[in-house]
Amino acid sequence: MTYQWIDFDRAFISERYDRLASLIKLFEWVLFLPPGLRRNAVEALQLSAGDRVLEIGCGTGRNFAHLHRAVGPTGRIYGVDLSSGMLHKARELKAKHGWENIALTRSDAADYVAPEPLDGVLFSLSYATMPHHLQVLEHAWNQLCSGGRLIIMDAKPPPGRGGELVLPFSAWLMRRTMLGNPYLRPWDDLARFTQHFEMKEFLFGSYYVCCGIKP
């Protein structure tokens, strides 16, 4: 049987992630998220102390420790997410660690405008969940400073025949859980914006970190 992807509306996505907010760690384990993948994604941003970074689809804040370490207390971290349940967990984490330089906003990322130009933008396991991903990507790219980096970190079917065989199951599973569309090719979307592009794969090509640098 071949499964075709059907995008869900934003209200459905928000409600789904509200229910999943307490299960993110479990899903990372079930889906074999490689150890260090989040750290690798943040390192690819090449942030410095005092920089300003936006995480689109920040979820429960699983990247905040890496981002805070990268920009230091003088930097600024902006997080935007559609799910109030995810942001509730993120605010608890922020309060627990006393990260006063993190600002969180519930919004559609296509409508969100950071209060200042950005040195980095991160999509972490979020890009493929957005039915209007191309609109969000262009909007985020336009908020980057010259020399700024945009990172997309996510999962994908592995290369070769194995990936072709697993793709229908991946679509079936994602539709019932995280809503990430496995038919997308986000690295191709990002590469259209810049010639300064690179991509690294992890876990036999099942995960990747791609980076675009704004001229």
Protein backbone atom coordinates (compact mmCIF):
# COMPACT_ATOMS: atom_id res chain seq x y z
CA MET A 1 0.00 0.00 0.00
CA THR A 2 1.28 3.51 -0.84
CA TYR A 3 0.55 6.32 1.59
CA GLN A 4 0.20 9.89 0.33
CA TRP A 5 0.84 12.84 2.61
CA ILE A 6 -2.01 15.21 3.45
CA ASP A 7 -1.12 18.40 5.30
CA PHE A 8 -3.05 19.20 8.44
CA ASP A 9 -4.27 22.66 9.38
CA ARG A 10 -2.47 24.66 12.04
CA ALA A 11 -5.13 24.20 14.71
CA PHE A 12 -4.86 20.42 14.36
CA ILE A 13 -1.06 20.59 14.58
CA SER A 14 -1.22 22.78 17.69
CA GLU A 15 -3.66 20.43 19.43
CA ARG A 16 -1.58 17.36 18.53
CA TYR A 17 1.59 18.87 19.99
CA ASP A 18 -0.25 20.03 23.11
CA ARG A 19 -0.96 16.35 23.77
CA LEU A 20 2.60 15.25 22.94
CA ALA A 21 4.37 17.87 25.09
CA SER A 22 5.10 15.48 27.95
CA LEU A 23 6.27 12.69 25.60
CA ILE A 24 9.08 14.36 23.65
CA LYS A 25 11.90 12.56 25.47
CA LEU A 26 10.14 9.24 24.85
CA PHE A 27 9.77 9.94 21.14
CA GLU A 28 13.45 10.84 20.86
CA TRP A 29 14.27 7.43 22.31
CA VAL A 30 11.75 5.53 20.15
CA LEU A 31 12.92 7.28 16.97
CA PHE A 32 16.63 6.73 17.75
CA LEU A 33 17.58 10.41 17.82
CA PRO A 34 21.39 10.28 17.65
CA PRO A 35 23.18 11.42 20.81
CA GLY A 36 24.72 14.81 20.24
CA LEU A 37 22.55 15.68 17.24
CA ARG A 38 21.07 18.74 18.95
CA ARG A 39 24.55 19.88 19.99
CA ASN A 40 25.79 19.43 16.43
CA ALA A 41 22.92 21.53 15.08
CA VAL A 42 23.65 24.39 17.48
CA GLU A 43 27.39 24.20 16.80
CA ALA A 44 26.65 24.56 13.08
CA LEU A 45 25.15 27.98 13.83
CA GLN A 46 28.63 29.12 14.90
CA LEU A 47 27.20 31.55 17.42
CA SER A 48 29.31 33.81 19.63
CA ALA A 49 28.72 35.50 22.96
CA GLY A 50 26.17 38.27 22.57
CA ASP A 51 24.58 36.89 19.39
CA ARG A 52 20.85 36.77 18.72
CA VAL A 53 19.23 33.52 17.65
CA LEU A 54 15.69 32.36 16.88
CA GLU A 55 14.48 28.80 17.25
CA ILE A 56 11.38 28.12 15.15
CA GLY A 57 9.28 25.36 16.67
CA CYS A 58 11.24 25.50 19.92
CA GLY A 59 8.94 22.95 21.54
CA THR A 60 9.76 22.10 25.15
CA GLY A 61 13.15 23.81 25.01
CA ARG A 62 15.35 20.78 24.38
CA ASN A 63 17.93 22.97 22.61
CA PHE A 64 17.99 25.84 25.10
CA ALA A 65 20.97 24.61 27.09
CA HIS A 66 23.10 24.41 23.93
CA LEU A 67 21.89 27.78 22.66
CA HIS A 68 22.44 29.49 26.00
CA ARG A 69 25.94 28.09 26.21
CA ALA A 70 26.65 29.42 22.72
CA VAL A 71 25.41 33.02 23.13
CA GLY A 72 26.13 33.44 26.84
CA PRO A 73 24.18 35.66 29.23
CA THR A 74 24.66 38.72 27.00
CA GLY A 75 23.11 37.03 23.97
CA ARG A 76 19.44 36.72 23.20
CA ILE A 77 17.41 33.60 22.41
CA TYR A 78 13.96 33.85 20.86
CA GLY A 79 11.68 30.84 20.72
CA VAL A 80 8.42 30.61 18.79
CA ASP A 81 5.98 27.71 18.76
CA LEU A 82 2.37 27.11 17.79
CA SER A 83 1.66 24.81 20.74
CA SER A 84 0.78 26.27 24.13
CA GLY A 85 1.46 22.89 25.73
CA MET A 86 5.00 22.82 24.36
CA LEU A 87 5.64 26.40 25.45
CA HIS A 88 4.38 25.64 28.96
CA LYS A 89 7.12 23.02 29.29
CA ALA A 90 9.66 25.41 27.76
CA ARG A 91 8.79 28.14 30.28
CA GLU A 92 9.16 25.67 33.15
CA LEU A 93 12.63 24.77 31.88
CA LYS A 94 13.57 28.41 31.46
CA ALA A 95 12.47 29.21 35.03
CA LYS A 96 14.26 26.15 36.45
CA HIS A 97 17.61 27.27 35.02
CA GLY A 98 17.10 31.00 35.42
CA TRP A 99 17.65 31.73 31.73
CA GLU A 100 16.54 35.35 31.69
CA ASN A 101 17.70 36.01 28.12
CA ILE A 102 15.14 33.66 26.52
CA ALA A 103 11.92 35.18 25.15
CA LEU A 104 9.12 32.77 24.20
CA THR A 105 6.15 33.55 21.96
CA ARG A 106 3.14 31.49 20.93
CA SER A 107 2.62 32.28 17.27
CA ASP A 108 2.57 30.92 13.77
CA ALA A 109 6.19 31.25 12.66
CA ALA A 110 5.03 32.83 9.39
CA ASP A 111 3.67 35.77 11.40
CA TYR A 112 6.43 36.08 13.99
CA VAL A 113 8.95 38.91 13.64
CA ALA A 114 11.93 38.98 15.98
CA PRO A 115 12.46 42.35 17.67
CA GLU A 116 15.98 42.64 16.22
CA PRO A 117 18.04 41.25 13.32
CA LEU A 118 19.23 37.69 13.88
CA ASP A 119 22.64 36.03 13.74
CA GLY A 120 21.12 32.56 13.54
CA VAL A 121 17.87 30.67 12.96
CA LEU A 122 17.30 27.06 13.97
CA PHE A 123 14.63 24.60 12.84
CA SER A 124 15.04 21.52 15.02
CA LEU A 125 12.69 18.63 14.15
CA SER A 126 10.09 21.26 13.24
CA TYR A 127 10.40 22.26 9.58
CA ALA A 128 8.65 19.21 8.16
CA THR A 129 5.66 19.64 10.48
CA MET A 130 4.67 22.97 8.89
CA PRO A 131 2.27 22.82 5.93
CA HIS A 132 3.46 26.32 4.90
CA HIS A 133 7.16 25.51 5.41
CA LEU A 134 8.36 27.43 2.34
CA GLN A 135 6.65 30.60 3.55
CA VAL A 136 8.14 30.18 7.02
CA LEU A 137 11.61 29.50 5.62
CA GLU A 138 11.62 32.63 3.45
CA HIS A 139 10.28 34.75 6.33
CA ALA A 140 13.01 33.46 8.65
CA TRP A 141 15.74 33.95 6.02
CA ASN A 142 14.71 37.58 5.57
CA GLN A 143 15.28 38.22 9.29
CA LEU A 144 18.91 37.02 9.18
CA CYS A 145 21.82 39.44 9.18
CA SER A 146 24.39 39.16 6.40
CA GLY A 147 26.68 36.31 7.37
CA GLY A 148 23.99 34.77 9.56
CA ARG A 149 23.32 31.03 9.46
CA LEU A 150 20.07 29.10 9.13
CA ILE A 151 20.09 25.47 10.27
CA ILE A 152 17.54 22.75 9.61
CA MET A 153 17.98 19.59 11.67
CA ASP A 154 15.56 16.73 11.10
CA ALA A 155 15.03 13.09 10.17
CA LYS A 156 14.76 11.66 6.65
CA PRO A 157 14.51 8.24 5.00
CA PRO A 158 17.97 6.70 4.62
CA PRO A 159 19.43 6.55 1.10
CA GLY A 160 18.95 3.62 -1.26
CA ARG A 161 16.38 0.88 -1.49
CA GLY A 162 16.00 0.72 2.28
CA GLY A 163 14.79 4.31 2.38
CA GLU A 164 12.29 3.67 -0.41
CA LEU A 165 10.88 0.71 1.49
CA VAL A 166 10.61 2.52 4.82
CA LEU A 167 9.06 5.71 3.41
CA PRO A 168 5.39 4.54 3.39
CA PHE A 169 5.73 3.31 6.98
CA SER A 170 7.39 6.59 7.99
CA ALA A 171 4.48 8.54 6.52
CA TRP A 172 1.98 6.30 8.33
CA LEU A 173 3.84 6.68 11.64
CA MET A 174 4.37 10.44 11.39
CA ARG A 175 0.75 11.08 10.51
CA ARG A 176 -0.24 9.41 13.78
CA THR A 177 2.46 10.96 15.95
CA MET A 178 4.75 13.93 15.22
CA LEU A 179 3.22 15.00 11.88
CA GLY A 180 6.61 15.41 10.20
CA ASN A 181 6.21 15.00 6.42
CA PRO A 182 8.86 12.49 5.26
CA TYR A 183 8.29 13.38 1.58
CA LEU A 184 9.79 16.86 1.99
CA ARG A 185 13.39 17.66 1.01
CA PRO A 186 14.19 20.65 3.26
CA TRP A 187 17.85 20.69 2.23
CA ASP A 188 16.76 21.48 -1.34
CA ASP A 189 14.48 24.25 -0.07
CA LEU A 190 17.32 25.88 1.88
CA ALA A 191 19.88 25.47 -0.90
CA ARG A 192 17.72 27.69 -3.14
CA PHE A 193 18.50 30.70 -0.96
CA THR A 194 22.28 30.59 -1.02
CA GLN A 195 25.34 29.08 -2.66
CA HIS A 196 26.93 28.86 0.81
CA PHE A 197 25.29 25.58 1.76
CA GLU A 198 26.46 22.39 3.45
CA MET A 199 24.85 19.26 4.87
CA LYS A 200 25.95 16.47 7.18
CA GLU A 201 24.18 13.15 7.72
CA PHE A 202 23.99 11.03 10.86
CA LEU A 203 22.89 7.48 11.77
CA PHE A 204 23.39 6.02 8.28
CA GLY A 205 21.65 8.96 6.62
CA SER A 206 18.50 8.86 8.76
CA TYR A 207 19.13 12.29 10.29
CA TYR A 208 20.80 15.41 8.95
CA VAL A 209 21.92 18.93 9.76
CA CYS A 210 21.94 21.35 6.83
CA CYS A 211 23.27 24.90 6.96
CA GLY A 212 22.77 27.93 4.74
CA ILE A 213 24.82 31.13 5.17
CA LYS A 214 23.24 34.42 4.12
CA PRO A 215 25.49 36.46 1.80
